[in-house]
């Protein structure tokens, strides 16, 4: 059930699409708004999301795993050699997922119990160690390889999100790939680790509607 309130900072009308999502970035003043039993408060301010050439945007709709979804939010992460987007998807059945978006590749990831990250290489990361690219890891009977391990920082955010996107939040992030398009991500901050599993997808597979248009990029036929 949606909730419409006025931003405590600028007074603009703000809509929370889902009662399950506690945080939202005000579209006007970029205040980080947090819902609680006491109402909606301001927890800081998000920087403006830097320009990029991704066709995905907040408000895009699509389909995956037999369910329709809406893109409700975005987080922009950076590392020493670049940055990428993670889009928050809310499905019609109330479930959610993340769409990783980097250099034209897309990863559809859902939360997985941290207990499923039982491989030695992943346990090392959870306990504070680092991962070596190329290391093998088995997850629920599927063989993966560590494809990337890096320290990242949150640059900016927009829209609705399941947690407060504090600028400057630092993580150690590890990506893994399977042989048949499977993927997984393990992230660790100073307090806890989170784990996500899924698969690589193409934009066409997601049957997107409402893609962002920009100069120099032609809208593909599948999105018209």
Protein backbone atom coordinates (compact mmCIF):
# COMPACT_ATOMS: atom_id res chain seq x y z
CA UNK A 1 0.00 0.00 0.00
CA UNK A 2 1.47 3.36 -1.00
CA UNK A 3 1.98 6.28 1.35
CA UNK A 4 2.06 9.95 0.30
CA UNK A 5 3.71 12.46 2.64
CA UNK A 6 5.37 15.85 2.47
CA UNK A 7 9.15 15.90 2.70
CA UNK A 8 10.08 17.15 6.20
CA UNK A 9 12.90 19.19 4.66
CA UNK A 10 11.45 20.91 1.57
CA UNK A 11 7.72 20.18 1.80
CA UNK A 12 7.50 18.49 -1.61
CA UNK A 13 5.06 15.61 -2.05
CA UNK A 14 6.82 12.24 -1.71
CA UNK A 15 5.28 8.85 -2.47
CA UNK A 16 6.40 5.59 -0.86
CA UNK A 17 5.17 2.88 -3.24
CA UNK A 18 5.68 -0.01 -0.82
CA UNK A 19 5.01 -0.27 2.90
CA UNK A 20 7.91 -2.71 3.13
CA UNK A 21 10.50 -0.12 2.07
CA UNK A 22 11.74 2.16 4.87
CA UNK A 23 13.88 4.62 2.90
CA UNK A 24 13.42 7.06 0.06
CA UNK A 25 15.41 9.87 -1.50
CA UNK A 26 13.36 13.04 -2.01
CA UNK A 27 13.24 13.81 -5.74
CA UNK A 28 13.46 17.56 -5.08
CA UNK A 29 15.94 18.25 -2.26
CA UNK A 30 17.63 14.78 -2.17
CA UNK A 31 17.03 14.35 1.57
CA UNK A 32 17.33 10.77 2.80
CA UNK A 33 13.89 10.05 4.22
CA UNK A 34 13.34 7.20 6.68
CA UNK A 35 9.98 5.81 7.81
CA UNK A 36 9.36 4.69 11.38
CA UNK A 37 6.45 4.34 13.79
CA UNK A 38 6.97 8.01 14.64
CA UNK A 39 6.52 9.11 11.02
CA UNK A 40 8.98 10.17 8.29
CA UNK A 41 12.27 11.80 9.29
CA UNK A 42 15.41 13.08 7.57
CA UNK A 43 18.55 10.95 7.97
CA UNK A 44 20.92 13.00 5.82
CA UNK A 45 21.28 13.97 2.17
CA UNK A 46 22.24 12.06 -0.95
CA UNK A 47 24.48 13.48 -3.64
CA UNK A 48 23.05 13.73 -7.15
CA UNK A 49 23.57 10.54 -9.14
CA UNK A 50 26.29 11.20 -11.76
CA UNK A 51 25.24 11.08 -15.42
CA UNK A 52 25.73 7.79 -17.21
CA UNK A 53 24.47 6.15 -20.39
CA UNK A 54 22.39 3.36 -18.87
CA UNK A 55 18.95 3.00 -20.50
CA UNK A 56 17.49 1.71 -17.21
CA UNK A 57 15.78 4.29 -15.01
CA UNK A 58 13.54 4.55 -11.96
CA UNK A 59 10.00 3.98 -13.24
CA UNK A 60 10.96 1.35 -15.82
CA UNK A 61 8.82 -1.78 -15.83
CA UNK A 62 9.65 -5.29 -16.95
CA UNK A 63 9.26 -9.01 -16.38
CA UNK A 64 11.47 -11.71 -14.84
CA UNK A 65 10.85 -15.16 -13.40
CA UNK A 66 7.24 -15.03 -14.55
CA UNK A 67 6.50 -11.84 -12.58
CA UNK A 68 6.20 -8.19 -13.56
CA UNK A 69 8.36 -5.67 -11.73
CA UNK A 70 8.90 -1.94 -11.30
CA UNK A 71 12.27 -0.25 -10.87
CA UNK A 72 11.85 1.75 -7.67
CA UNK A 73 15.37 2.85 -6.77
CA UNK A 74 19.05 2.99 -7.64
CA UNK A 75 22.36 2.95 -5.82
CA UNK A 76 25.58 4.09 -7.52
CA UNK A 77 28.79 2.40 -6.33
CA UNK A 78 32.36 3.42 -7.16
CA UNK A 79 35.77 1.82 -6.99
CA UNK A 80 39.25 2.97 -8.01
CA UNK A 81 38.68 2.47 -11.76
CA UNK A 82 35.03 3.32 -12.27
CA UNK A 83 31.46 2.99 -11.04
CA UNK A 84 28.26 1.03 -11.68
CA UNK A 85 24.53 1.01 -10.90
CA UNK A 86 22.43 -1.36 -8.84
CA UNK A 87 18.70 -0.98 -9.49
CA UNK A 88 16.13 -2.05 -6.91
CA UNK A 89 13.22 -4.06 -8.39
CA UNK A 90 9.88 -4.67 -6.67
CA UNK A 91 7.84 -7.55 -8.10
CA UNK A 92 4.07 -7.89 -8.31
CA UNK A 93 4.09 -10.63 -5.63
CA UNK A 94 5.90 -8.34 -3.16
CA UNK A 95 9.33 -9.93 -3.58
CA UNK A 96 12.36 -7.91 -4.63
CA UNK A 97 15.65 -8.18 -6.47
CA UNK A 98 18.63 -6.11 -7.60
CA UNK A 99 19.70 -5.51 -11.19
CA UNK A 100 23.43 -4.93 -11.42
CA UNK A 101 24.24 -2.70 -14.40
CA UNK A 102 27.86 -2.30 -15.51
CA UNK A 103 29.38 -1.80 -18.94
CA UNK A 104 26.34 -3.16 -20.75
CA UNK A 105 26.08 -6.33 -18.64
CA UNK A 106 23.19 -7.05 -16.30
CA UNK A 107 23.04 -9.30 -13.22
CA UNK A 108 19.63 -10.18 -11.71
CA UNK A 109 20.28 -10.96 -8.04
CA UNK A 110 18.10 -11.88 -5.08
CA UNK A 111 18.94 -12.01 -1.38
CA UNK A 112 20.26 -15.39 -0.28
CA UNK A 113 20.80 -16.66 3.29
CA UNK A 114 24.38 -15.98 4.35
CA UNK A 115 24.49 -19.62 5.48
CA UNK A 116 24.53 -20.69 1.81
CA UNK A 117 27.95 -19.05 1.39
CA UNK A 118 29.67 -22.12 2.79
CA UNK A 119 32.61 -22.34 0.38
CA UNK A 120 36.01 -21.81 1.98
CA UNK A 121 36.74 -18.74 -0.18
CA UNK A 122 33.48 -17.09 0.93
CA UNK A 123 33.85 -17.96 4.60
CA UNK A 124 37.24 -16.24 4.49
CA UNK A 125 35.61 -13.03 3.25
CA UNK A 126 32.79 -13.21 5.81
CA UNK A 127 35.35 -13.50 8.60
CA UNK A 128 37.27 -10.42 7.39
CA UNK A 129 39.67 -11.83 4.81
CA UNK A 130 39.96 -11.16 1.08
CA UNK A 131 39.13 -13.18 -2.03
CA UNK A 132 41.52 -14.01 -4.85
CA UNK A 133 40.10 -13.76 -8.41
CA UNK A 134 40.10 -17.17 -10.07
CA UNK A 135 39.43 -19.03 -6.82
CA UNK A 136 36.71 -21.68 -7.13
CA UNK A 137 33.69 -21.83 -4.83
CA UNK A 138 30.75 -24.23 -4.77
CA UNK A 139 27.33 -22.83 -3.88
CA UNK A 140 24.34 -25.19 -3.57
CA UNK A 141 26.00 -27.71 -5.85
CA UNK A 142 26.98 -25.20 -8.55
CA UNK A 143 30.62 -24.37 -9.26
CA UNK A 144 31.56 -20.69 -9.35
CA UNK A 145 34.77 -18.76 -9.79
CA UNK A 146 35.65 -15.48 -8.12
CA UNK A 147 35.62 -13.00 -11.01
CA UNK A 148 36.26 -9.82 -9.08
CA UNK A 149 37.03 -8.56 -5.57
CA UNK A 150 37.26 -4.87 -4.75
CA UNK A 151 36.69 -2.19 -2.13
CA UNK A 152 33.78 0.04 -3.07
CA UNK A 153 32.05 3.16 -1.78
CA UNK A 154 28.47 4.37 -2.16
CA UNK A 155 28.35 7.57 -4.21
CA UNK A 156 24.67 8.43 -4.46
CA UNK A 157 21.16 7.04 -4.62
CA UNK A 158 17.64 7.80 -5.80
CA UNK A 159 14.13 6.47 -5.32
CA UNK A 160 12.93 3.89 -2.78
CA UNK A 161 15.29 1.40 -1.16
CA UNK A 162 15.22 -1.34 1.50
CA UNK A 163 17.90 0.42 3.58
CA UNK A 164 19.20 3.95 4.06
CA UNK A 165 21.79 4.69 1.32
CA UNK A 166 24.32 6.68 3.36
CA UNK A 167 26.89 8.37 1.05
CA UNK A 168 30.41 7.20 1.78
CA UNK A 169 29.35 3.74 2.99
CA UNK A 170 32.27 1.39 2.30
CA UNK A 171 32.07 -2.30 1.41
CA UNK A 172 34.30 -5.12 0.33
CA UNK A 173 32.50 -6.65 -2.66
CA UNK A 174 33.15 -10.03 -4.31
CA UNK A 175 31.54 -11.17 -7.58
CA UNK A 176 31.38 -14.79 -8.70
CA UNK A 177 30.44 -16.41 -12.02
CA UNK A 178 29.15 -19.87 -12.88
CA UNK A 179 29.66 -21.70 -16.17
CA UNK A 180 26.03 -21.42 -17.32
CA UNK A 181 25.34 -17.76 -16.63
CA UNK A 182 24.96 -18.04 -12.85
CA UNK A 183 26.29 -15.20 -10.72
CA UNK A 184 26.61 -14.30 -7.06
CA UNK A 185 27.79 -11.36 -4.98
CA UNK A 186 29.09 -11.29 -1.41
CA UNK A 187 29.39 -7.89 0.28
CA UNK A 188 30.87 -7.11 3.68
CA UNK A 189 31.06 -3.93 5.71
CA UNK A 190 32.45 -3.40 9.21
CA UNK A 191 29.43 -5.08 10.82
CA UNK A 192 27.99 -7.82 8.65
CA UNK A 193 28.02 -9.65 5.31
CA UNK A 194 25.19 -10.06 2.80
CA UNK A 195 24.90 -12.58 -0.01
CA UNK A 196 23.01 -12.52 -3.32
CA UNK A 197 22.61 -15.15 -6.04
CA UNK A 198 21.11 -15.05 -9.50
CA UNK A 199 22.02 -15.01 -13.17
CA UNK A 200 23.19 -12.81 -15.99
CA UNK A 201 20.35 -11.46 -18.15
CA UNK A 202 19.98 -9.32 -21.22
CA UNK A 203 17.85 -6.21 -21.30
CA UNK A 204 15.67 -7.84 -23.97
CA UNK A 205 14.91 -10.77 -21.62
CA UNK A 206 13.45 -8.33 -19.09
CA UNK A 207 10.87 -7.02 -21.60
CA UNK A 208 11.46 -3.43 -20.48
CA UNK A 209 8.95 -0.63 -20.88
CA UNK A 210 9.82 3.00 -20.19
CA UNK A 211 13.55 2.91 -20.86
CA UNK A 212 15.47 6.16 -20.63
CA UNK A 213 16.33 7.75 -23.96
CA UNK A 214 19.41 9.83 -24.65
CA UNK A 215 21.25 11.24 -27.64
CA UNK A 216 23.22 8.71 -29.64
CA UNK A 217 21.20 5.67 -28.51
CA UNK A 218 18.30 4.27 -30.52
CA UNK A 219 15.41 2.64 -28.65
CA UNK A 220 15.53 -1.11 -29.44
CA UNK A 221 12.50 -2.74 -31.08
CA UNK A 222 11.84 -4.97 -28.05
CA UNK A 223 11.24 -1.92 -25.85
CA UNK A 224 8.90 -0.01 -28.14
